[in-house]
């Protein structure tokens, strides 16, 4: 059926008329945008319950990358894994995982994910979010086999690299999908769920490795690897029944399917499908380009600024305390904490992270993305320098060890209150709709490109056979956090309560970042 013609869904009794000209549906688009602006958070939740549910489901894919990142981080501190793959430390005769392999194992997944994020953009642009994620989940099922049966560090490295490919698809698609299926008021909590599920993945790893850390046979690491199979198949089944993003369908000109998708996301008695679809068409028409989306466009015109913001926010996650969080157990061990207490603190850190992500939903929704990001980054800078100071004062005393462990825990937890969850919202909102899968993929690629050398640096700084700095690494990460804070202050705009139309216009008008809050965009403006 021609999408410009009258369409009636007999089953549900819903009807709408698609007009041929922009002028014909602009009034409906304005009405839908005003309705979203006027909603409170609770009204949005009540009006779009299924949108919240499907955002929750797609966010679950992040558990798998989180689980494996923290799993490898914990393996280098796991006695059974060290006994099997470690070498003798000449300094004291103990077994340790060599620095080169410790770093290699922790970057292998990121190398695969770097491949995955570049595949995700073209793949998702072509087949949509649903099928791209299902494809990734099936790949992951197969690659876990390699990890489980691998019995050497090179094979484990290869398995992690392969698993990273579907991770890249999930991490590129999840923030884009979540931000597209919910109304303005729910964009912050919907995208911040990704950070919560990152914390949930680390909690599961922390609990499993805490239980098995005193097992000295291979079950101590084989069982945690096998537990990865709990996630892909059930998630693939759920995602099969999920609605495709109506924004993606609108970009493809599949308006009837977009209308059905909109109706599946909200309560039918509160939905105005015609108006909502008109709002989407208005933004798509503003961004209209007959050429197929490609990576070169990300670096042209105003899209360059948007790409730099997404890439900068992603890169900064590695430079403001995140690597201490990802290697929490190993950090605690190198700070002088015993094995049992180190694993217990790692589990506590993960649990607190999940709680603080929930608190961040409220803070980011009401106080804005820029404010929370800047204040959180500033606090982490102070704490990281304090960590370095604590390690510089009688580094191996009990008091210094406890101070370093406490500050490392606080840095890891505070990261999930400010910079981390705010980042996901910024990433989901900043890119142009037409280029969104490509922009989020490019941003995540930047994350991995920065993270890979940082992991080598972090491992070298902490490892007894490397720099053996312990908490003094706080000086290094404190310096990088300060640079990120300054750049964000001058370059990061506030997009709270802004529709995608308003965001497009403000970027096209090149409004400076610090003026966004006070800028008014007329509801009739299209450019």
Protein backbone atom coordinates (compact mmCIF):
# COMPACT_ATOMS: atom_id res chain seq x y z
CA UNK A 1 0.00 0.00 0.00
CA UNK A 2 1.19 3.52 -0.81
CA UNK A 3 2.26 5.15 2.50
CA UNK A 4 0.73 8.44 1.35
CA UNK A 5 -2.74 6.86 1.16
CA UNK A 6 -5.34 6.22 3.79
CA UNK A 7 -4.43 3.30 6.04
CA UNK A 8 -6.68 1.50 8.52
CA UNK A 9 -5.66 -1.20 10.99
CA UNK A 10 -8.90 -3.22 11.18
CA UNK A 11 -7.67 -5.35 14.08
CA UNK A 12 -7.07 -2.48 16.43
CA UNK A 13 -9.47 0.05 14.93
CA UNK A 14 -6.69 2.66 14.63
CA UNK A 15 -6.70 4.94 11.61
CA UNK A 16 -4.59 7.71 10.26
CA UNK A 17 -4.10 9.65 7.05
CA UNK A 18 -0.62 10.30 5.67
CA UNK A 19 -0.48 13.57 3.77
CA UNK A 20 1.72 14.19 0.78
CA UNK A 21 3.17 17.54 1.66
CA UNK A 22 5.23 18.68 4.66
CA UNK A 23 2.86 21.59 5.22
CA UNK A 24 -0.03 19.17 5.64
CA UNK A 25 1.50 17.28 8.59
CA UNK A 26 3.49 20.08 10.24
CA UNK A 27 0.58 21.03 12.52
CA UNK A 28 0.34 17.42 13.72
CA UNK A 29 4.11 17.31 14.25
CA UNK A 30 4.00 20.48 16.37
CA UNK A 31 1.15 19.06 18.46
CA UNK A 32 3.08 15.81 19.13
CA UNK A 33 6.28 17.66 20.06
CA UNK A 34 4.41 19.99 22.42
CA UNK A 35 2.68 17.01 24.02
CA UNK A 36 6.05 15.35 24.74
CA UNK A 37 7.44 18.59 26.19
CA UNK A 38 4.41 18.97 28.47
CA UNK A 39 4.59 15.43 29.86
CA UNK A 40 6.01 14.77 33.30
CA UNK A 41 8.28 11.78 33.79
CA UNK A 42 5.51 9.75 35.45
CA UNK A 43 3.02 10.64 32.72
CA UNK A 44 5.55 9.49 30.13
CA UNK A 45 6.04 6.17 31.97
CA UNK A 46 2.27 5.61 32.11
CA UNK A 47 1.77 6.58 28.46
CA UNK A 48 4.70 4.51 27.14
CA UNK A 49 4.99 1.42 29.38
CA UNK A 50 6.07 -0.91 26.59
CA UNK A 51 8.70 1.52 25.37
CA UNK A 52 10.23 1.36 28.84
CA UNK A 53 10.02 -2.44 28.79
CA UNK A 54 11.71 -2.83 25.38
CA UNK A 55 14.43 -0.36 26.39
CA UNK A 56 14.98 -2.59 29.43
CA UNK A 57 15.24 -5.69 27.20
CA UNK A 58 17.70 -4.18 24.72
CA UNK A 59 19.82 -2.88 27.61
CA UNK A 60 20.27 -6.46 28.80
CA UNK A 61 22.64 -7.05 25.87
CA UNK A 62 25.18 -4.85 27.66
CA UNK A 63 25.39 -7.42 30.48
CA UNK A 64 27.42 -9.68 28.21
CA UNK A 65 30.21 -7.24 27.44
CA UNK A 66 30.30 -6.11 31.07
CA UNK A 67 30.34 -9.70 32.32
CA UNK A 68 33.29 -10.67 30.17
CA UNK A 69 35.29 -7.47 30.70
CA UNK A 70 35.07 -7.90 34.47
CA UNK A 71 35.56 -11.66 34.19
CA UNK A 72 38.95 -11.27 32.51
CA UNK A 73 39.82 -8.52 34.98
CA UNK A 74 39.05 -10.91 37.84
CA UNK A 75 40.80 -13.89 36.24
CA UNK A 76 44.20 -12.18 36.51
CA UNK A 77 43.63 -12.10 40.29
CA UNK A 78 42.04 -15.59 40.53
CA UNK A 79 44.36 -18.15 42.20
CA UNK A 80 43.29 -21.11 40.02
CA UNK A 81 43.80 -19.11 36.81
CA UNK A 82 47.18 -17.82 38.04
CA UNK A 83 48.29 -21.33 39.00
CA UNK A 84 47.39 -22.61 35.51
CA UNK A 85 48.73 -19.77 33.37
CA UNK A 86 51.06 -17.77 35.65
CA UNK A 87 54.84 -17.42 35.65
CA UNK A 88 57.23 -17.03 38.59
CA UNK A 89 57.80 -13.47 39.78
CA UNK A 90 61.61 -13.23 40.30
CA UNK A 91 61.15 -10.68 43.08
CA UNK A 92 59.39 -12.99 45.56
CA UNK A 93 58.90 -16.38 43.85
CA UNK A 94 55.10 -16.01 43.61
CA UNK A 95 53.10 -16.80 40.47
CA UNK A 96 51.68 -13.92 38.41
CA UNK A 97 50.16 -13.53 34.96
CA UNK A 98 52.82 -11.90 32.79
CA UNK A 99 52.20 -8.20 32.17
CA UNK A 100 52.08 -8.69 28.39
CA UNK A 101 49.43 -11.42 28.66
CA UNK A 102 47.50 -9.62 31.37
CA UNK A 103 47.22 -6.61 29.04
CA UNK A 104 46.62 -8.73 25.92
CA UNK A 105 43.73 -10.63 27.49
CA UNK A 106 42.06 -7.43 28.61
CA UNK A 107 42.36 -5.75 25.20
CA UNK A 108 41.41 -8.78 23.10
CA UNK A 109 37.67 -8.29 23.59
CA UNK A 110 38.05 -4.58 22.86
CA UNK A 111 39.88 -5.34 19.60
CA UNK A 112 36.97 -7.54 18.53
CA UNK A 113 34.45 -4.93 19.63
CA UNK A 114 36.31 -2.34 17.56
CA UNK A 115 35.59 -4.51 14.53
CA UNK A 116 32.00 -4.99 15.70
CA UNK A 117 31.16 -1.30 16.05
CA UNK A 118 32.29 -0.60 12.49
CA UNK A 119 30.11 -3.48 11.28
CA UNK A 120 27.16 -2.31 13.41
CA UNK A 121 26.53 0.99 11.60
CA UNK A 122 26.12 -0.30 8.02
CA UNK A 123 24.46 -3.51 9.25
CA UNK A 124 21.86 -1.68 11.36
CA UNK A 125 21.24 0.96 8.71
CA UNK A 126 20.45 -1.87 6.28
CA UNK A 127 18.49 -4.45 8.35
CA UNK A 128 17.41 -2.53 11.46
CA UNK A 129 18.12 -2.77 15.17
CA UNK A 130 16.16 -5.98 15.82
CA UNK A 131 17.85 -8.23 13.29
CA UNK A 132 21.30 -6.74 13.88
CA UNK A 133 21.04 -7.60 17.58
CA UNK A 134 19.67 -11.09 16.93
CA UNK A 135 22.54 -11.73 14.52
CA UNK A 136 25.03 -10.61 17.18
CA UNK A 137 23.48 -12.84 19.85
CA UNK A 138 23.72 -15.92 17.64
CA UNK A 139 27.37 -15.14 16.88
CA UNK A 140 28.07 -14.83 20.60
CA UNK A 141 26.58 -18.25 21.32
CA UNK A 142 29.08 -19.79 18.90
CA UNK A 143 32.12 -17.81 20.11
CA UNK A 144 31.57 -18.71 23.77
CA UNK A 145 32.38 -22.30 22.74
CA UNK A 146 35.90 -21.24 21.77
CA UNK A 147 36.41 -19.48 25.10
CA UNK A 148 35.07 -22.40 27.14
CA UNK A 149 37.24 -25.07 25.50
CA UNK A 150 40.35 -22.89 25.10
CA UNK A 151 43.28 -24.14 27.18
CA UNK A 152 46.07 -21.68 26.45
CA UNK A 153 46.47 -17.95 26.70
CA UNK A 154 46.70 -17.48 22.89
CA UNK A 155 43.40 -19.40 22.37
CA UNK A 156 41.72 -17.42 25.17
CA UNK A 157 42.98 -14.23 23.48
CA UNK A 158 41.45 -15.34 20.15
CA UNK A 159 38.16 -16.32 21.82
CA UNK A 160 37.87 -12.94 23.49
CA UNK A 161 38.57 -11.19 20.20
CA UNK A 162 35.78 -13.16 18.51
CA UNK A 163 33.33 -12.49 21.36
CA UNK A 164 34.11 -8.81 21.05
CA UNK A 165 32.58 -8.60 17.56
CA UNK A 166 28.97 -9.05 18.75
CA UNK A 167 29.68 -6.85 21.80
CA UNK A 168 30.47 -4.05 19.36
CA UNK A 169 27.09 -4.52 17.69
CA UNK A 170 25.25 -4.40 21.03
CA UNK A 171 27.10 -1.41 22.43
CA UNK A 172 26.64 0.62 19.24
CA UNK A 173 22.93 -0.18 18.87
CA UNK A 174 21.63 -0.11 22.43
CA UNK A 175 21.90 3.63 23.22
CA UNK A 176 20.54 4.56 19.78
CA UNK A 177 17.55 2.21 20.02
CA UNK A 178 16.72 3.20 23.61
CA UNK A 179 16.77 6.91 22.80
CA UNK A 180 14.56 6.44 19.72
CA UNK A 181 11.69 4.44 21.22
CA UNK A 182 10.91 6.63 24.25
CA UNK A 183 9.55 10.20 24.58
CA UNK A 184 11.77 13.13 25.55
CA UNK A 185 11.21 12.80 29.31
CA UNK A 186 12.35 9.16 29.34
CA UNK A 187 15.48 9.47 27.22
CA UNK A 188 17.73 9.92 30.26
CA UNK A 189 16.55 6.93 32.35
CA UNK A 190 16.15 4.70 29.26
CA UNK A 191 19.71 5.22 28.08
CA UNK A 192 21.15 5.25 31.60
CA UNK A 193 19.80 1.74 32.08
CA UNK A 194 22.78 0.70 29.97
CA UNK A 195 25.13 1.72 32.78
CA UNK A 196 22.94 -0.13 35.29
CA UNK A 197 23.22 -3.33 33.26
CA UNK A 198 26.96 -2.79 32.99
CA UNK A 199 26.95 -2.80 36.80
CA UNK A 200 24.70 -5.89 36.88
CA UNK A 201 27.19 -7.75 34.68
CA UNK A 202 29.98 -6.90 37.10
CA UNK A 203 27.83 -7.95 40.08
CA UNK A 204 27.22 -11.38 38.54
CA UNK A 205 30.95 -11.76 37.85
CA UNK A 206 31.82 -10.55 41.34
CA UNK A 207 29.43 -13.02 42.96
CA UNK A 208 30.59 -15.97 40.83
CA UNK A 209 34.31 -15.31 41.24
CA UNK A 210 33.87 -14.62 44.95
CA UNK A 211 32.33 -18.09 45.33
CA UNK A 212 35.03 -19.77 43.24
CA UNK A 213 38.12 -17.78 44.22
CA UNK A 214 39.16 -20.44 46.77
CA UNK A 215 38.71 -23.32 44.28
CA UNK A 216 42.08 -24.37 42.91
CA UNK A 217 40.90 -26.54 40.01
CA UNK A 218 39.81 -25.38 36.55
CA UNK A 219 36.15 -25.18 37.58
CA UNK A 220 37.05 -21.85 39.19
CA UNK A 221 37.22 -20.28 35.72
CA UNK A 222 35.38 -22.79 33.48
CA UNK A 223 32.04 -22.36 35.26
CA UNK A 224 32.10 -18.53 35.09
CA UNK A 225 32.85 -18.82 31.36
CA UNK A 226 29.96 -21.27 30.80
CA UNK A 227 27.51 -18.95 32.59
CA UNK A 228 27.73 -16.62 29.58
CA UNK A 229 25.36 -19.00 27.76
CA UNK A 230 22.55 -17.93 30.11
CA UNK A 231 22.02 -14.70 28.17
CA UNK A 232 22.10 -14.86 24.32
CA UNK A 233 19.27 -17.27 23.42
CA UNK A 234 16.56 -15.90 25.79
CA UNK A 235 17.46 -12.36 24.73
CA UNK A 236 17.31 -13.26 21.04
CA UNK A 237 13.79 -14.67 21.51
CA UNK A 238 12.63 -11.53 23.34
CA UNK A 239 14.18 -9.18 20.79
CA UNK A 240 12.51 -11.11 17.97
CA UNK A 241 9.14 -9.99 19.40
CA UNK A 242 10.26 -6.40 20.02
CA UNK A 243 9.10 -3.52 17.78
CA UNK A 244 11.58 -2.00 15.37
CA UNK A 245 12.48 1.62 16.06
CA UNK A 246 9.73 3.76 14.47
CA UNK A 247 12.36 6.41 13.68
CA UNK A 248 14.38 3.83 11.69
CA UNK A 249 11.25 2.71 9.84
CA UNK A 250 10.33 6.32 9.08
CA UNK A 251 13.81 6.96 7.70
CA UNK A 252 13.26 3.96 5.43
CA UNK A 253 9.87 5.30 4.27
CA UNK A 254 8.02 2.33 5.81
CA UNK A 255 5.34 4.52 7.38
CA UNK A 256 2.67 1.86 7.94
CA UNK A 257 5.13 -0.29 9.88
CA UNK A 258 6.33 2.79 11.78
CA UNK A 259 2.75 3.53 12.82
CA UNK A 260 2.27 -0.02 14.12
CA UNK A 261 5.57 0.24 15.99
CA UNK A 262 4.47 3.51 17.64
CA UNK A 263 1.22 1.87 18.73
CA UNK A 264 3.12 -1.05 20.29
CA UNK A 265 5.24 1.31 22.39
CA UNK A 266 2.43 3.16 24.18
CA UNK A 267 -1.07 2.82 25.59
CA UNK A 268 -3.56 2.91 22.72
CA UNK A 269 -6.01 5.07 24.67
CA UNK A 270 -3.29 7.72 25.09
CA UNK A 271 -1.55 7.40 21.73
CA UNK A 272 -1.98 9.87 18.86
CA UNK A 273 -0.29 7.86 16.15
CA UNK A 274 -0.90 10.36 13.35
CA UNK A 275 0.71 13.21 15.27
CA UNK A 276 3.66 11.13 16.55
CA UNK A 277 4.42 9.85 13.07
CA UNK A 278 4.16 13.38 11.68
CA UNK A 279 6.74 14.56 14.23
CA UNK A 280 9.12 11.83 13.08
CA UNK A 281 8.55 12.64 9.41
CA UNK A 282 9.24 16.32 10.07
CA UNK A 283 12.68 15.59 11.54
CA UNK A 284 13.49 13.02 8.85
CA UNK A 285 12.58 15.57 6.15
CA UNK A 286 14.87 18.14 7.82
CA UNK A 287 17.79 15.70 7.61
CA UNK A 288 16.80 14.32 4.20
CA UNK A 289 19.66 13.27 1.94
CA UNK A 290 19.30 11.03 -1.09
CA UNK A 291 22.75 9.51 -0.58
CA UNK A 292 23.21 6.36 1.47
CA UNK A 293 24.54 7.20 4.99
CA UNK A 294 28.30 6.71 5.16
CA UNK A 295 31.14 7.29 7.62
CA UNK A 296 32.58 10.20 5.60
CA UNK A 297 29.48 12.28 6.40
CA UNK A 298 30.30 12.07 10.10
CA UNK A 299 33.22 14.41 9.52
CA UNK A 300 31.48 17.01 7.35
CA UNK A 301 29.75 20.26 8.30
CA UNK A 302 27.81 20.38 11.56
CA UNK A 303 27.89 16.59 11.82
CA UNK A 304 31.60 16.86 12.60
CA UNK A 305 30.82 18.70 15.85
CA UNK A 306 28.25 16.06 16.79
CA UNK A 307 30.70 13.27 16.03
CA UNK A 308 33.43 14.91 18.10
CA UNK A 309 31.09 15.24 21.11
CA UNK A 310 30.08 11.56 20.94
CA UNK A 311 33.67 10.42 20.42
CA UNK A 312 34.96 12.73 23.17
CA UNK A 313 32.44 11.54 25.74
CA UNK A 314 33.17 7.91 24.91
CA UNK A 315 36.94 8.43 25.07
CA UNK A 316 36.68 10.25 28.41
CA UNK A 317 35.12 7.18 30.02
CA UNK A 318 38.58 5.61 29.99
CA UNK A 319 40.30 8.68 31.37
CA UNK A 320 38.20 9.61 34.42
CA UNK A 321 38.44 6.52 36.64
CA UNK A 322 36.72 3.81 34.61
CA UNK A 323 39.81 1.59 34.30
CA UNK A 324 40.15 1.44 38.08
CA UNK A 325 36.52 0.28 38.20
CA UNK A 326 37.11 -2.37 35.50
CA UNK A 327 40.16 -3.73 37.35
CA UNK A 328 38.78 -3.18 40.85
CA UNK A 329 39.72 -6.58 42.32
CA UNK A 330 43.22 -6.49 40.86
CA UNK A 331 43.63 -2.89 42.05
CA UNK A 332 42.61 -3.87 45.59
CA UNK A 333 45.11 -6.75 45.53
CA UNK A 334 47.95 -4.44 44.45
CA UNK A 335 46.93 -1.95 47.14
CA UNK A 336 47.80 -4.65 49.69
CA UNK A 337 44.32 -6.09 50.39
CA UNK A 338 43.96 -9.87 50.94
CA UNK A 339 42.36 -12.15 48.33
CA UNK A 340 39.03 -12.71 50.13
CA UNK A 341 38.58 -9.06 51.06
CA UNK A 342 39.61 -7.91 47.57
CA UNK A 343 36.92 -10.06 45.91
CA UNK A 344 34.38 -8.97 48.54
CA UNK A 345 35.21 -5.29 47.90
CA UNK A 346 34.89 -5.90 44.16
CA UNK A 347 31.38 -7.28 44.70
CA UNK A 348 30.46 -4.39 47.01
CA UNK A 349 31.74 -1.91 44.42
CA UNK A 350 29.54 -3.43 41.71
CA UNK A 351 26.45 -3.44 43.96
CA UNK A 352 26.97 0.21 44.89
CA UNK A 353 27.46 1.11 41.24
CA UNK A 354 24.02 -0.26 40.38
CA UNK A 355 22.41 1.74 43.22
CA UNK A 356 24.19 4.94 42.20
CA UNK A 357 23.14 4.52 38.56
CA UNK A 358 19.51 4.49 39.75
CA UNK A 359 20.12 7.70 41.70
CA UNK A 360 21.66 9.22 38.57
CA UNK A 361 18.33 8.72 36.73
CA UNK A 362 16.78 11.34 38.98
CA UNK A 363 19.76 13.69 38.93
CA UNK A 364 20.20 13.65 35.15
CA UNK A 365 16.48 13.96 34.42
CA UNK A 366 16.01 17.02 36.64
CA UNK A 367 19.45 18.69 36.70
CA UNK A 368 20.61 17.94 33.17
CA UNK A 369 23.33 15.97 31.44
CA UNK A 370 26.02 18.65 31.28
CA UNK A 371 25.76 19.60 34.97
CA UNK A 372 25.98 16.04 36.25
CA UNK A 373 28.79 15.20 33.84
CA UNK A 374 30.90 18.20 34.85
CA UNK A 375 30.37 17.93 38.61
CA UNK A 376 30.98 14.16 38.55
CA UNK A 377 34.17 14.55 36.50
CA UNK A 378 35.40 17.28 38.85
CA UNK A 379 34.80 15.12 41.92
CA UNK A 380 36.60 12.17 40.33
CA UNK A 381 39.60 14.37 39.54
CA UNK A 382 39.90 15.36 43.22
CA UNK A 383 39.51 11.77 44.40
CA UNK A 384 42.06 10.40 41.93
CA UNK A 385 44.68 12.90 43.10
CA UNK A 386 43.80 11.99 46.71
CA UNK A 387 44.36 8.32 45.81
CA UNK A 388 47.83 9.16 44.56
CA UNK A 389 48.59 11.09 47.75
CA UNK A 390 47.40 8.18 49.93
CA UNK A 391 49.69 5.79 48.04
CA UNK A 392 52.64 8.17 48.39
CA UNK A 393 52.47 8.17 52.19
CA UNK A 394 53.92 4.93 53.50
CA UNK A 395 52.46 2.91 50.62
CA UNK A 396 52.64 -0.55 52.22
CA UNK A 397 51.23 0.24 55.67
CA UNK A 398 47.81 -1.12 56.64
CA UNK A 399 46.39 2.39 56.94
CA UNK A 400 47.65 3.36 53.48
CA UNK A 401 46.29 0.12 51.95
CA UNK A 402 42.85 0.72 53.44
CA UNK A 403 42.88 4.38 52.34
CA UNK A 404 43.82 3.39 48.79
CA UNK A 405 41.15 0.67 48.70
CA UNK A 406 38.52 3.09 50.04
CA UNK A 407 39.38 5.81 47.55
CA UNK A 408 39.52 3.27 44.69
CA UNK A 409 36.05 2.07 45.69
CA UNK A 410 34.69 5.64 45.90
CA UNK A 411 36.18 6.56 42.50
CA UNK A 412 34.64 3.44 40.94
CA UNK A 413 31.23 4.13 42.47
CA UNK A 414 31.16 7.89 41.88
CA UNK A 415 32.01 7.29 38.23
CA UNK A 416 28.60 5.59 37.88
CA UNK A 417 26.78 8.51 39.52
CA UNK A 418 28.06 11.25 37.21
CA UNK A 419 30.20 10.82 34.08
CA UNK A 420 29.25 7.27 33.08
CA UNK A 421 25.42 7.39 33.06
CA UNK A 422 25.34 10.97 31.74
CA UNK A 423 27.57 9.81 28.88
CA UNK A 424 24.98 7.31 27.64
CA UNK A 425 22.28 10.00 27.48
CA UNK A 426 24.59 12.40 25.62
CA UNK A 427 25.61 9.67 23.17
CA UNK A 428 21.98 8.76 22.45
CA UNK A 429 20.83 12.37 21.91
CA UNK A 430 23.71 14.05 20.09
CA UNK A 431 23.88 12.32 16.71
CA UNK A 432 21.67 13.15 13.73
CA UNK A 433 18.90 10.56 13.34
CA UNK A 434 19.95 9.67 9.81
CA UNK A 435 23.52 8.96 10.91
CA UNK A 436 22.79 7.62 14.38
CA UNK A 437 23.91 3.97 13.94
CA UNK A 438 27.13 5.18 12.29
CA UNK A 439 27.79 7.90 14.89
CA UNK A 440 27.29 5.65 17.91
CA UNK A 441 29.50 3.05 16.24
CA UNK A 442 32.24 5.60 15.55
CA UNK A 443 31.99 6.89 19.12
CA UNK A 444 32.35 3.43 20.59
CA UNK A 445 35.26 2.75 18.23
CA UNK A 446 36.96 5.81 19.72
CA UNK A 447 36.32 4.36 23.16
CA UNK A 448 38.17 1.17 22.25
CA UNK A 449 40.98 2.99 20.42
CA UNK A 450 41.63 5.00 23.60
CA UNK A 451 40.97 2.09 25.97
CA UNK A 452 43.41 -0.37 24.40
CA UNK A 453 46.62 1.62 25.11
CA UNK A 454 45.14 2.71 28.46
CA UNK A 455 44.69 -0.94 29.47
CA UNK A 456 48.34 -1.64 28.68
CA UNK A 457 49.27 1.44 30.70
CA UNK A 458 46.98 0.52 33.60
CA UNK A 459 48.26 -3.06 33.69
CA UNK A 460 51.87 -1.88 33.58
CA UNK A 461 51.28 0.64 36.39
CA UNK A 462 49.64 -1.93 38.68
CA UNK A 463 51.58 -5.12 37.88
CA UNK A 464 54.45 -6.05 40.29
CA UNK A 465 56.59 -6.99 37.25
CA UNK A 466 55.80 -3.59 35.67
CA UNK A 467 55.61 -0.14 37.25
CA UNK A 468 54.22 -1.45 40.56
CA UNK A 469 52.67 1.97 41.30
CA UNK A 470 49.58 0.78 43.15
CA UNK A 471 47.46 3.77 44.12
CA UNK A 472 50.00 6.21 42.66
CA UNK A 473 48.28 5.59 39.33
CA UNK A 474 45.75 8.10 40.67
CA UNK A 475 48.14 10.90 39.65
CA UNK A 476 48.08 9.70 36.04
CA UNK A 477 44.31 9.25 35.81
CA UNK A 478 43.77 12.47 37.74
CA UNK A 479 45.72 14.40 35.10
CA UNK A 480 43.75 12.87 32.22
CA UNK A 481 40.47 13.47 34.10
CA UNK A 482 41.34 17.16 34.43
CA UNK A 483 41.93 17.49 30.68
CA UNK A 484 38.57 15.81 29.98
CA UNK A 485 36.83 18.14 32.45
CA UNK A 486 38.21 21.27 30.74
CA UNK A 487 37.28 20.04 27.25
CA UNK A 488 33.75 19.11 28.40
CA UNK A 489 33.25 22.51 30.04
CA UNK A 490 33.83 24.31 26.74
CA UNK A 491 32.42 21.72 24.32
CA UNK A 492 29.52 19.83 25.89
CA UNK A 493 26.00 21.32 25.35
CA UNK A 494 22.96 20.73 27.58
CA UNK A 495 20.28 18.76 25.70
CA UNK A 496 17.82 18.26 28.56
CA UNK A 497 14.18 18.58 27.41
CA UNK A 498 15.23 19.17 23.80
CA UNK A 499 13.41 17.41 20.97
CA UNK A 500 15.43 15.93 18.12
CA UNK A 501 14.17 18.79 15.92
CA UNK A 502 15.48 21.39 18.36
CA UNK A 503 18.82 19.60 18.69
CA UNK A 504 19.20 19.49 14.88
CA UNK A 505 18.46 23.20 14.58
CA UNK A 506 20.82 24.21 17.39
CA UNK A 507 23.70 22.30 15.85
CA UNK A 508 22.97 23.79 12.42
CA UNK A 509 22.96 27.28 13.94
CA UNK A 510 26.32 26.52 15.59
CA UNK A 511 25.16 27.71 19.01
CA UNK A 512 28.07 27.58 21.53
CA UNK A 513 27.80 24.79 24.11
CA UNK A 514 27.41 27.08 27.14
CA UNK A 515 24.51 28.99 25.52
CA UNK A 516 22.23 26.02 24.84
CA UNK A 517 20.37 26.27 28.14
CA UNK A 518 19.23 29.85 27.45
CA UNK A 519 18.47 29.42 23.74
CA UNK A 520 14.80 29.33 22.67
CA UNK A 521 13.83 27.53 19.47
CA UNK A 522 10.44 28.44 18.02
CA UNK A 523 8.14 25.47 17.57
CA UNK A 524 7.54 26.49 13.93
CA UNK A 525 11.23 26.56 12.98
CA UNK A 526 12.53 23.87 10.64
CA UNK A 527 16.09 25.15 10.23
